[in-house]
N, C-alpha and C. Protein backbone atom coordinates (compact mmCIF):
# COMPACT_ATOMS: atom_id res chain seq x y z
N MET A 1 0.86 -1.19 0.00
CA MET A 1 0.00 0.00 0.00
C MET A 1 0.89 1.24 0.00
N GLY A 2 0.61 2.16 -0.94
CA GLY A 2 1.44 3.33 -1.07
C GLY A 2 1.20 4.36 0.02
N LEU A 3 2.14 5.27 0.17
CA LEU A 3 2.07 6.31 1.18
C LEU A 3 0.84 7.20 0.96
N LEU A 4 0.53 7.50 -0.30
CA LEU A 4 -0.62 8.37 -0.59
C LEU A 4 -1.93 7.68 -0.19
N THR A 5 -2.00 6.36 -0.41
CA THR A 5 -3.20 5.61 -0.02
C THR A 5 -3.39 5.62 1.48
N ILE A 6 -2.29 5.42 2.21
CA ILE A 6 -2.37 5.44 3.69
C ILE A 6 -2.81 6.80 4.18
N LEU A 7 -2.24 7.85 3.63
CA LEU A 7 -2.63 9.21 4.03
C LEU A 7 -4.09 9.47 3.74
N ALA A 8 -4.55 8.98 2.57
CA ALA A 8 -5.96 9.17 2.21
C ALA A 8 -6.87 8.46 3.20
N LEU A 9 -6.49 7.23 3.62
CA LEU A 9 -7.28 6.49 4.60
C LEU A 9 -7.32 7.20 5.95
N LEU A 10 -6.19 7.75 6.35
CA LEU A 10 -6.12 8.47 7.63
C LEU A 10 -7.03 9.69 7.62
N LEU A 11 -7.19 10.30 6.46
CA LEU A 11 -8.08 11.46 6.35
C LEU A 11 -9.54 11.05 6.30
N VAL A 12 -9.82 9.91 5.63
CA VAL A 12 -11.20 9.48 5.44
C VAL A 12 -11.79 8.87 6.71
N LEU A 13 -10.98 8.07 7.45
CA LEU A 13 -11.50 7.37 8.62
C LEU A 13 -12.07 8.30 9.68
N PRO A 14 -11.38 9.40 10.07
CA PRO A 14 -12.00 10.31 11.03
C PRO A 14 -13.30 10.91 10.51
N SER A 15 -13.36 11.17 9.20
CA SER A 15 -14.59 11.72 8.62
C SER A 15 -15.73 10.74 8.75
N CYS A 16 -15.44 9.44 8.51
CA CYS A 16 -16.46 8.41 8.66
C CYS A 16 -16.92 8.31 10.11
N ALA A 17 -15.95 8.35 11.04
CA ALA A 17 -16.29 8.28 12.47
C ALA A 17 -17.14 9.48 12.87
N THR A 18 -16.79 10.64 12.33
CA THR A 18 -17.57 11.84 12.63
C THR A 18 -19.00 11.70 12.11
N LEU A 19 -19.12 11.20 10.88
CA LEU A 19 -20.44 11.02 10.28
C LEU A 19 -21.26 10.02 11.08
N GLN A 20 -20.63 8.92 11.52
CA GLN A 20 -21.35 7.92 12.32
C GLN A 20 -21.80 8.51 13.66
N SER A 21 -20.94 9.31 14.27
CA SER A 21 -21.29 9.94 15.55
C SER A 21 -22.46 10.90 15.38
N LEU A 22 -22.42 11.68 14.31
CA LEU A 22 -23.50 12.64 14.06
C LEU A 22 -24.81 11.93 13.75
N THR A 23 -24.72 10.81 13.02
CA THR A 23 -25.92 10.03 12.72
C THR A 23 -26.53 9.48 14.00
N ALA A 24 -25.67 8.90 14.86
CA ALA A 24 -26.16 8.37 16.14
C ALA A 24 -26.74 9.48 17.01
N LEU A 25 -26.08 10.62 17.00
CA LEU A 25 -26.54 11.76 17.78
C LEU A 25 -27.93 12.19 17.35
N SER A 26 -28.18 12.16 16.05
CA SER A 26 -29.47 12.62 15.54
C SER A 26 -30.61 11.67 15.90
N GLN A 27 -30.27 10.45 16.34
CA GLN A 27 -31.30 9.46 16.68
C GLN A 27 -31.70 9.51 18.15
N VAL A 28 -31.00 10.26 18.97
CA VAL A 28 -31.41 10.44 20.36
C VAL A 28 -32.60 11.38 20.38
N ARG A 29 -33.71 10.93 20.94
CA ARG A 29 -34.96 11.70 20.90
C ARG A 29 -35.22 12.33 22.27
N PHE A 30 -35.63 13.59 22.23
CA PHE A 30 -35.95 14.32 23.45
C PHE A 30 -37.42 14.74 23.42
N ASP A 31 -38.11 14.57 24.55
CA ASP A 31 -39.51 14.97 24.70
C ASP A 31 -39.70 15.60 26.07
N LEU A 32 -40.72 16.43 26.20
CA LEU A 32 -41.10 16.97 27.50
C LEU A 32 -42.14 16.05 28.10
N ASP A 33 -41.75 15.29 29.14
CA ASP A 33 -42.61 14.25 29.70
C ASP A 33 -43.59 14.75 30.74
N GLY A 34 -43.30 15.86 31.39
CA GLY A 34 -44.21 16.34 32.41
C GLY A 34 -43.56 17.34 33.34
N VAL A 35 -44.34 17.76 34.34
CA VAL A 35 -43.89 18.77 35.30
C VAL A 35 -44.23 18.28 36.70
N SER A 36 -43.33 18.49 37.66
CA SER A 36 -43.59 18.12 39.05
C SER A 36 -42.97 19.15 39.97
N GLY A 37 -43.23 18.98 41.26
CA GLY A 37 -42.61 19.84 42.26
C GLY A 37 -42.98 21.31 42.12
N ILE A 38 -44.23 21.58 41.75
CA ILE A 38 -44.65 22.97 41.54
C ILE A 38 -44.90 23.64 42.89
N ARG A 39 -44.23 24.76 43.09
CA ARG A 39 -44.40 25.54 44.32
C ARG A 39 -44.58 27.01 43.94
N LEU A 40 -45.56 27.63 44.54
CA LEU A 40 -45.82 29.05 44.32
C LEU A 40 -45.71 29.76 45.66
N ALA A 41 -44.74 30.67 45.77
CA ALA A 41 -44.47 31.36 47.02
C ALA A 41 -44.25 30.36 48.16
N GLY A 42 -43.62 29.24 47.85
CA GLY A 42 -43.33 28.21 48.85
C GLY A 42 -44.46 27.25 49.11
N VAL A 43 -45.62 27.45 48.46
CA VAL A 43 -46.79 26.58 48.68
C VAL A 43 -46.76 25.46 47.64
N GLU A 44 -46.79 24.21 48.11
CA GLU A 44 -46.78 23.07 47.19
C GLU A 44 -48.14 22.95 46.50
N LEU A 45 -48.10 22.81 45.17
CA LEU A 45 -49.33 22.77 44.40
C LEU A 45 -49.58 21.44 43.69
N ASP A 46 -48.69 20.47 43.85
CA ASP A 46 -48.83 19.21 43.11
C ASP A 46 -50.16 18.51 43.38
N ARG A 47 -50.69 18.64 44.60
CA ARG A 47 -51.94 17.94 44.93
C ARG A 47 -53.14 18.88 45.01
N VAL A 48 -52.96 20.10 44.57
CA VAL A 48 -54.05 21.09 44.57
C VAL A 48 -54.66 21.13 43.18
N ARG A 49 -56.00 21.06 43.11
CA ARG A 49 -56.67 21.06 41.80
C ARG A 49 -57.23 22.44 41.44
N GLY A 50 -57.44 23.28 42.44
CA GLY A 50 -58.00 24.60 42.16
C GLY A 50 -57.75 25.55 43.32
N TYR A 51 -57.97 26.82 43.07
CA TYR A 51 -57.71 27.84 44.09
C TYR A 51 -58.48 27.56 45.38
N GLU A 52 -59.71 27.06 45.21
CA GLU A 52 -60.55 26.80 46.39
C GLU A 52 -60.02 25.68 47.26
N ASP A 53 -59.08 24.88 46.75
CA ASP A 53 -58.51 23.79 47.55
C ASP A 53 -57.37 24.24 48.46
N LEU A 54 -56.92 25.49 48.29
CA LEU A 54 -55.86 26.00 49.15
C LEU A 54 -56.36 26.16 50.58
N SER A 55 -55.50 25.88 51.53
CA SER A 55 -55.86 26.16 52.92
C SER A 55 -55.84 27.68 53.14
N VAL A 56 -56.44 28.11 54.21
CA VAL A 56 -56.45 29.54 54.53
C VAL A 56 -55.02 30.06 54.67
N LEU A 57 -54.17 29.27 55.30
CA LEU A 57 -52.78 29.67 55.51
C LEU A 57 -52.03 29.79 54.18
N ASP A 58 -52.23 28.82 53.29
CA ASP A 58 -51.55 28.86 51.99
C ASP A 58 -52.05 30.02 51.14
N ALA A 59 -53.36 30.26 51.14
CA ALA A 59 -53.91 31.39 50.38
C ALA A 59 -53.37 32.71 50.92
N ALA A 60 -53.23 32.81 52.26
CA ALA A 60 -52.70 34.03 52.86
C ALA A 60 -51.23 34.21 52.49
N ARG A 61 -50.49 33.12 52.44
CA ARG A 61 -49.07 33.19 52.08
C ARG A 61 -48.89 33.70 50.64
N ILE A 62 -49.70 33.18 49.73
CA ILE A 62 -49.63 33.62 48.34
C ILE A 62 -50.09 35.07 48.22
N GLY A 63 -51.16 35.41 48.96
CA GLY A 63 -51.65 36.78 48.94
C GLY A 63 -50.62 37.76 49.47
N SER A 64 -49.91 37.38 50.51
CA SER A 64 -48.86 38.23 51.07
C SER A 64 -47.73 38.43 50.07
N ALA A 65 -47.35 37.36 49.38
CA ALA A 65 -46.30 37.46 48.37
C ALA A 65 -46.73 38.39 47.24
N LEU A 66 -48.00 38.32 46.89
CA LEU A 66 -48.53 39.18 45.82
C LEU A 66 -48.48 40.64 46.23
N VAL A 67 -48.82 40.92 47.47
CA VAL A 67 -48.76 42.30 47.99
C VAL A 67 -47.32 42.81 47.98
N ASN A 68 -46.38 41.93 48.29
CA ASN A 68 -44.96 42.31 48.31
C ASN A 68 -44.32 42.30 46.92
N ARG A 69 -45.11 42.01 45.89
CA ARG A 69 -44.68 42.04 44.49
C ARG A 69 -43.52 41.07 44.22
N GLN A 70 -43.56 39.92 44.88
CA GLN A 70 -42.63 38.83 44.60
C GLN A 70 -43.39 37.53 44.72
N LEU A 71 -43.53 36.82 43.59
CA LEU A 71 -44.30 35.59 43.59
C LEU A 71 -43.49 34.48 42.91
N PRO A 72 -42.54 33.90 43.67
CA PRO A 72 -41.66 32.89 43.06
C PRO A 72 -42.40 31.61 42.69
N LEU A 73 -42.18 31.16 41.47
CA LEU A 73 -42.72 29.90 40.98
C LEU A 73 -41.54 28.96 40.75
N GLU A 74 -41.62 27.77 41.32
CA GLU A 74 -40.59 26.76 41.15
C GLU A 74 -41.23 25.49 40.60
N ALA A 75 -40.55 24.82 39.70
CA ALA A 75 -41.06 23.57 39.14
C ALA A 75 -39.90 22.78 38.55
N THR A 76 -40.12 21.49 38.41
CA THR A 76 -39.16 20.63 37.73
C THR A 76 -39.80 20.12 36.46
N LEU A 77 -39.18 20.44 35.32
CA LEU A 77 -39.62 19.92 34.03
C LEU A 77 -38.85 18.65 33.74
N HIS A 78 -39.56 17.62 33.34
CA HIS A 78 -38.93 16.33 33.09
C HIS A 78 -38.78 16.12 31.58
N VAL A 79 -37.53 16.19 31.13
CA VAL A 79 -37.20 15.94 29.73
C VAL A 79 -36.81 14.47 29.60
N GLY A 80 -37.49 13.75 28.72
CA GLY A 80 -37.15 12.36 28.46
C GLY A 80 -36.18 12.28 27.30
N ALA A 81 -35.03 11.62 27.52
CA ALA A 81 -34.03 11.43 26.47
C ALA A 81 -34.00 9.95 26.13
N HIS A 82 -34.43 9.61 24.92
CA HIS A 82 -34.48 8.21 24.51
C HIS A 82 -33.38 7.91 23.51
N ASN A 83 -32.46 7.04 23.91
CA ASN A 83 -31.37 6.58 23.05
C ASN A 83 -31.77 5.21 22.52
N PRO A 84 -32.13 5.11 21.24
CA PRO A 84 -32.73 3.86 20.73
C PRO A 84 -31.78 2.68 20.73
N ASP A 85 -32.39 1.48 20.66
CA ASP A 85 -31.61 0.24 20.54
C ASP A 85 -30.69 0.32 19.32
N GLY A 86 -29.49 -0.19 19.47
CA GLY A 86 -28.55 -0.19 18.36
C GLY A 86 -27.68 1.04 18.31
N ASN A 87 -28.08 2.08 19.02
CA ASN A 87 -27.25 3.28 19.12
C ASN A 87 -26.17 3.05 20.18
N PRO A 88 -25.01 3.62 20.03
CA PRO A 88 -24.01 3.48 21.10
C PRO A 88 -24.43 4.22 22.36
N ASP A 89 -23.94 3.76 23.52
CA ASP A 89 -24.16 4.51 24.75
C ASP A 89 -23.63 5.93 24.56
N ALA A 90 -24.30 6.87 25.18
CA ALA A 90 -23.88 8.27 25.05
C ALA A 90 -23.95 8.92 26.42
N ARG A 91 -23.48 10.14 26.50
CA ARG A 91 -23.52 10.90 27.75
C ARG A 91 -23.93 12.33 27.44
N LEU A 92 -24.98 12.79 28.12
CA LEU A 92 -25.42 14.16 27.98
C LEU A 92 -24.57 15.03 28.89
N VAL A 93 -23.78 15.90 28.31
CA VAL A 93 -22.85 16.71 29.10
C VAL A 93 -23.26 18.19 29.15
N GLY A 94 -24.30 18.54 28.42
CA GLY A 94 -24.75 19.92 28.45
C GLY A 94 -26.17 20.02 27.94
N LEU A 95 -26.94 20.94 28.50
CA LEU A 95 -28.29 21.21 28.02
C LEU A 95 -28.62 22.67 28.35
N ASP A 96 -28.46 23.53 27.37
CA ASP A 96 -28.85 24.93 27.53
C ASP A 96 -30.33 25.03 27.21
N TRP A 97 -31.10 25.73 28.05
CA TRP A 97 -32.54 25.76 27.85
C TRP A 97 -33.13 27.15 28.11
N THR A 98 -34.26 27.38 27.48
CA THR A 98 -35.07 28.58 27.72
C THR A 98 -36.51 28.13 27.91
N PHE A 99 -37.16 28.64 28.96
CA PHE A 99 -38.51 28.23 29.33
C PHE A 99 -39.53 29.28 28.87
N PHE A 100 -40.55 28.81 28.14
CA PHE A 100 -41.64 29.66 27.66
C PHE A 100 -42.93 29.24 28.33
N LEU A 101 -43.71 30.21 28.83
CA LEU A 101 -45.00 29.94 29.45
C LEU A 101 -46.03 30.86 28.80
N GLN A 102 -47.13 30.26 28.34
CA GLN A 102 -48.15 30.99 27.59
C GLN A 102 -47.52 31.78 26.45
N ASP A 103 -46.60 31.14 25.76
CA ASP A 103 -45.89 31.68 24.60
C ASP A 103 -45.03 32.90 24.95
N ARG A 104 -44.69 33.04 26.21
CA ARG A 104 -43.86 34.17 26.65
C ARG A 104 -42.53 33.64 27.17
N GLU A 105 -41.43 34.17 26.65
CA GLU A 105 -40.11 33.76 27.12
C GLU A 105 -39.91 34.24 28.55
N THR A 106 -39.45 33.33 29.42
CA THR A 106 -39.26 33.71 30.82
C THR A 106 -37.78 33.60 31.22
N VAL A 107 -37.33 32.43 31.63
CA VAL A 107 -35.97 32.29 32.16
C VAL A 107 -35.19 31.25 31.36
N SER A 108 -33.86 31.33 31.50
CA SER A 108 -32.96 30.40 30.82
C SER A 108 -32.00 29.79 31.82
N GLY A 109 -31.38 28.69 31.44
CA GLY A 109 -30.41 28.05 32.32
C GLY A 109 -29.66 26.95 31.60
N SER A 110 -28.89 26.18 32.36
CA SER A 110 -28.09 25.08 31.81
C SER A 110 -28.16 23.89 32.75
N LEU A 111 -28.01 22.71 32.18
CA LEU A 111 -27.95 21.49 32.96
C LEU A 111 -26.76 21.54 33.91
N SER A 112 -26.97 21.12 35.15
CA SER A 112 -25.92 21.22 36.16
C SER A 112 -25.17 19.91 36.38
N GLN A 113 -25.59 18.84 35.68
CA GLN A 113 -24.93 17.55 35.88
C GLN A 113 -24.89 16.78 34.57
N GLU A 114 -23.92 15.86 34.48
CA GLU A 114 -23.84 14.99 33.33
C GLU A 114 -24.72 13.76 33.57
N LEU A 115 -25.33 13.25 32.49
CA LEU A 115 -26.20 12.10 32.61
C LEU A 115 -25.87 11.07 31.54
N ALA A 116 -25.81 9.79 31.94
CA ALA A 116 -25.59 8.71 30.98
C ALA A 116 -26.87 8.47 30.19
N LEU A 117 -26.72 8.18 28.89
CA LEU A 117 -27.83 7.84 28.02
C LEU A 117 -27.58 6.44 27.45
N PRO A 118 -27.92 5.39 28.22
CA PRO A 118 -27.63 4.03 27.76
C PRO A 118 -28.42 3.68 26.51
N SER A 119 -27.85 2.84 25.69
CA SER A 119 -28.53 2.37 24.49
C SER A 119 -29.81 1.64 24.86
N GLY A 120 -30.89 1.94 24.15
CA GLY A 120 -32.16 1.26 24.37
C GLY A 120 -32.92 1.70 25.60
N ALA A 121 -32.52 2.81 26.20
CA ALA A 121 -33.16 3.27 27.45
C ALA A 121 -33.68 4.69 27.31
N ARG A 122 -34.62 5.00 28.18
CA ARG A 122 -35.15 6.36 28.27
C ARG A 122 -34.68 6.93 29.61
N THR A 123 -34.06 8.10 29.55
CA THR A 123 -33.47 8.71 30.75
C THR A 123 -34.20 9.99 31.08
N ASP A 124 -34.55 10.15 32.36
CA ASP A 124 -35.19 11.38 32.82
C ASP A 124 -34.12 12.45 33.05
N VAL A 125 -34.31 13.59 32.40
CA VAL A 125 -33.40 14.72 32.56
C VAL A 125 -34.19 15.83 33.28
N PRO A 126 -34.02 15.97 34.61
CA PRO A 126 -34.78 16.98 35.34
C PRO A 126 -34.21 18.39 35.12
N VAL A 127 -35.09 19.31 34.77
CA VAL A 127 -34.70 20.70 34.55
C VAL A 127 -35.43 21.55 35.60
N SER A 128 -34.67 22.15 36.51
CA SER A 128 -35.26 22.97 37.57
C SER A 128 -35.45 24.40 37.07
N VAL A 129 -36.70 24.86 37.17
CA VAL A 129 -37.06 26.20 36.70
C VAL A 129 -37.52 27.03 37.89
N ARG A 130 -37.02 28.26 37.98
CA ARG A 130 -37.45 29.18 39.04
C ARG A 130 -37.58 30.57 38.45
N LEU A 131 -38.74 31.18 38.64
CA LEU A 131 -38.97 32.53 38.14
C LEU A 131 -39.94 33.27 39.04
N ASP A 132 -39.89 34.59 38.96
CA ASP A 132 -40.87 35.42 39.65
C ASP A 132 -42.03 35.63 38.69
N LEU A 133 -43.17 35.02 39.00
CA LEU A 133 -44.31 35.06 38.09
C LEU A 133 -44.76 36.49 37.78
N LEU A 134 -44.56 37.40 38.74
CA LEU A 134 -45.02 38.77 38.55
C LEU A 134 -44.15 39.56 37.57
N GLU A 135 -42.97 39.03 37.24
CA GLU A 135 -42.15 39.68 36.22
C GLU A 135 -42.73 39.51 34.82
N PHE A 136 -43.59 38.50 34.67
CA PHE A 136 -44.08 38.16 33.34
C PHE A 136 -45.60 38.19 33.21
N PHE A 137 -46.32 38.10 34.34
CA PHE A 137 -47.78 38.01 34.28
C PHE A 137 -48.41 38.89 35.36
N GLU A 138 -49.63 39.34 35.08
CA GLU A 138 -50.41 40.09 36.05
C GLU A 138 -51.73 39.38 36.26
N GLY A 139 -52.38 39.72 37.37
CA GLY A 139 -53.68 39.13 37.65
C GLY A 139 -53.92 39.03 39.14
N SER A 140 -55.11 38.53 39.48
CA SER A 140 -55.46 38.35 40.88
C SER A 140 -54.72 37.14 41.43
N SER A 141 -54.82 36.97 42.74
CA SER A 141 -54.21 35.81 43.38
C SER A 141 -54.77 34.53 42.77
N ARG A 142 -56.08 34.49 42.55
CA ARG A 142 -56.71 33.31 41.95
C ARG A 142 -56.17 33.05 40.54
N ASP A 143 -56.08 34.11 39.74
CA ASP A 143 -55.60 33.95 38.36
C ASP A 143 -54.19 33.36 38.32
N LEU A 144 -53.32 33.86 39.18
CA LEU A 144 -51.93 33.42 39.16
C LEU A 144 -51.77 32.01 39.72
N VAL A 145 -52.60 31.67 40.71
CA VAL A 145 -52.58 30.29 41.22
C VAL A 145 -53.05 29.34 40.12
N GLU A 146 -54.13 29.72 39.42
CA GLU A 146 -54.64 28.86 38.35
C GLU A 146 -53.62 28.73 37.22
N LEU A 147 -52.88 29.80 36.94
CA LEU A 147 -51.83 29.72 35.92
C LEU A 147 -50.76 28.71 36.35
N ALA A 148 -50.34 28.79 37.60
CA ALA A 148 -49.34 27.85 38.11
C ALA A 148 -49.89 26.41 38.08
N LEU A 149 -51.16 26.25 38.45
CA LEU A 149 -51.76 24.91 38.46
C LEU A 149 -51.89 24.34 37.05
N SER A 150 -52.04 25.21 36.07
CA SER A 150 -52.22 24.72 34.70
C SER A 150 -50.97 24.01 34.17
N LEU A 151 -49.83 24.19 34.84
CA LEU A 151 -48.61 23.50 34.43
C LEU A 151 -48.78 21.99 34.53
N THR A 152 -49.60 21.53 35.45
CA THR A 152 -49.80 20.09 35.63
C THR A 152 -50.82 19.52 34.67
N GLY A 153 -51.65 20.39 34.08
CA GLY A 153 -52.69 19.93 33.18
C GLY A 153 -53.90 19.36 33.90
N VAL A 154 -53.95 19.46 35.25
CA VAL A 154 -55.07 18.88 35.99
C VAL A 154 -55.80 19.93 36.82
N GLY A 155 -55.41 21.18 36.73
CA GLY A 155 -56.07 22.22 37.51
C GLY A 155 -57.42 22.59 36.92
N THR A 156 -58.08 23.54 37.53
CA THR A 156 -59.41 23.95 37.08
C THR A 156 -59.34 25.15 36.15
N ALA A 157 -58.14 25.54 35.74
CA ALA A 157 -57.99 26.68 34.84
C ALA A 157 -58.79 26.42 33.55
N ARG A 158 -59.40 27.49 33.02
CA ARG A 158 -60.24 27.35 31.83
C ARG A 158 -59.43 26.94 30.61
N GLU A 159 -58.20 27.42 30.50
CA GLU A 159 -57.36 27.13 29.34
C GLU A 159 -56.16 26.28 29.77
N PRO A 160 -55.78 25.29 28.95
CA PRO A 160 -54.57 24.54 29.28
C PRO A 160 -53.35 25.43 29.17
N SER A 161 -52.33 25.10 29.94
CA SER A 161 -51.11 25.89 29.91
C SER A 161 -50.31 25.56 28.66
N ASP A 162 -49.87 26.60 27.98
CA ASP A 162 -49.01 26.43 26.81
C ASP A 162 -47.59 26.67 27.29
N LEU A 163 -46.85 25.60 27.47
CA LEU A 163 -45.46 25.73 27.93
C LEU A 163 -44.55 24.97 26.99
N ARG A 164 -43.35 25.49 26.85
CA ARG A 164 -42.37 24.77 26.04
C ARG A 164 -40.97 25.07 26.56
N LEU A 165 -40.10 24.20 26.20
CA LEU A 165 -38.69 24.33 26.53
C LEU A 165 -37.92 24.31 25.22
N GLU A 166 -37.13 25.34 24.99
CA GLU A 166 -36.22 25.32 23.86
C GLU A 166 -34.88 24.85 24.40
N ALA A 167 -34.45 23.66 23.96
CA ALA A 167 -33.30 22.99 24.56
C ALA A 167 -32.22 22.73 23.51
N LEU A 168 -30.97 22.96 23.92
CA LEU A 168 -29.83 22.73 23.04
C LEU A 168 -28.89 21.72 23.72
N PRO A 169 -29.04 20.42 23.40
CA PRO A 169 -28.22 19.40 24.06
C PRO A 169 -26.79 19.35 23.51
N THR A 170 -25.88 18.93 24.39
CA THR A 170 -24.51 18.59 24.00
C THR A 170 -24.24 17.18 24.47
N ILE A 171 -23.82 16.31 23.54
CA ILE A 171 -23.60 14.90 23.85
C ILE A 171 -22.13 14.56 23.66
N GLN A 172 -21.58 13.85 24.64
CA GLN A 172 -20.19 13.40 24.56
C GLN A 172 -20.09 12.20 23.63
N THR A 173 -19.18 12.25 22.69
CA THR A 173 -18.95 11.13 21.78
C THR A 173 -17.48 10.74 21.85
N ARG A 174 -17.12 9.73 21.08
CA ARG A 174 -15.72 9.30 21.03
C ARG A 174 -14.82 10.40 20.47
N LEU A 175 -15.43 11.32 19.73
CA LEU A 175 -14.66 12.41 19.12
C LEU A 175 -14.70 13.68 19.96
N GLY A 176 -15.33 13.59 21.15
CA GLY A 176 -15.47 14.78 21.98
C GLY A 176 -16.91 15.25 22.01
N PRO A 177 -17.20 16.33 22.73
CA PRO A 177 -18.58 16.81 22.84
C PRO A 177 -19.08 17.39 21.51
N ILE A 178 -20.31 17.02 21.17
CA ILE A 178 -20.96 17.54 19.96
C ILE A 178 -22.29 18.17 20.37
N GLN A 179 -22.48 19.43 19.99
CA GLN A 179 -23.72 20.15 20.32
C GLN A 179 -24.68 20.08 19.14
N TYR A 180 -25.95 19.96 19.45
CA TYR A 180 -26.96 19.98 18.38
C TYR A 180 -26.84 21.29 17.61
N PRO A 181 -27.11 21.27 16.31
CA PRO A 181 -26.92 22.49 15.51
C PRO A 181 -27.96 23.57 15.78
N ARG A 182 -29.10 23.19 16.32
CA ARG A 182 -30.15 24.17 16.61
C ARG A 182 -30.98 23.69 17.80
N PRO A 183 -31.66 24.60 18.50
CA PRO A 183 -32.45 24.19 19.66
C PRO A 183 -33.62 23.27 19.26
N LEU A 184 -33.95 22.34 20.15
CA LEU A 184 -35.13 21.50 19.99
C LEU A 184 -36.29 22.19 20.68
N ILE A 185 -37.47 22.10 20.11
CA ILE A 185 -38.67 22.68 20.70
C ILE A 185 -39.43 21.56 21.39
N LEU A 186 -39.47 21.57 22.72
CA LEU A 186 -40.10 20.52 23.50
C LEU A 186 -41.34 21.07 24.18
N GLY A 187 -42.45 20.37 24.02
CA GLY A 187 -43.66 20.76 24.73
C GLY A 187 -44.74 21.28 23.83
N GLY A 188 -45.51 22.23 24.35
CA GLY A 188 -46.72 22.72 23.71
C GLY A 188 -47.76 22.82 24.79
N GLN A 189 -49.03 22.53 24.44
CA GLN A 189 -50.05 22.52 25.49
C GLN A 189 -49.86 21.31 26.36
N VAL A 190 -50.01 21.52 27.68
CA VAL A 190 -49.84 20.41 28.63
C VAL A 190 -50.82 19.30 28.31
N GLY A 191 -50.28 18.09 28.25
CA GLY A 191 -51.13 16.93 27.96
C GLY A 191 -50.96 16.41 26.55
N GLY A 192 -50.21 17.11 25.73
CA GLY A 192 -50.02 16.62 24.37
C GLY A 192 -48.88 17.31 23.70
N GLY A 193 -48.32 16.64 22.68
CA GLY A 193 -47.27 17.25 21.87
C GLY A 193 -45.90 16.95 22.41
N SER A 194 -44.99 16.69 21.50
CA SER A 194 -43.61 16.47 21.88
C SER A 194 -42.76 16.76 20.67
N ALA A 195 -41.47 16.83 20.90
CA ALA A 195 -40.57 17.08 19.78
C ALA A 195 -39.32 16.29 19.94
N GLY A 196 -38.76 15.88 18.86
CA GLY A 196 -37.50 15.18 18.88
C GLY A 196 -36.49 15.97 18.07
N THR A 197 -35.58 15.27 17.49
CA THR A 197 -34.54 15.93 16.74
C THR A 197 -35.04 16.37 15.39
């Protein structure tokens, strides 16, 4: 085998490996699976179905926060990462995200930990979101509680919550970390819709 042939192979092989890594990367599917751990002004809302279900103490706590013009909303968004059978094991090393509620951009952040994505498995990627609801929305105490409850899709709010996460994953490969070329749009109205690559 001539020197030129060997050099050509050395140039082609990394390109093939890169192409294979990118192909495998494109097959990892991400969806917004749900929301949990919803707290409004420190009041847990996961088991509350409507404003009238709040205790007097919890309603007073939210009302006091509203008067003080600070109404922190905390929640965990669960992103499902599915690495299909036949794909190599991968590792999620980065996830830059922006959270939209009722089609309004609110807060952004990044994944704080690395997560393994085993072949043939679905991995929960928890994204912790915290924002001051009053920075983005106005309304009565009842309106804002119902808005927070609509994140679960089981509250008594008249309209379902339209929430989405724009996520930009980075996956570790044999060639080093590779970031998706554009953000993925995850979510929509609570209870339906998902997005992959």
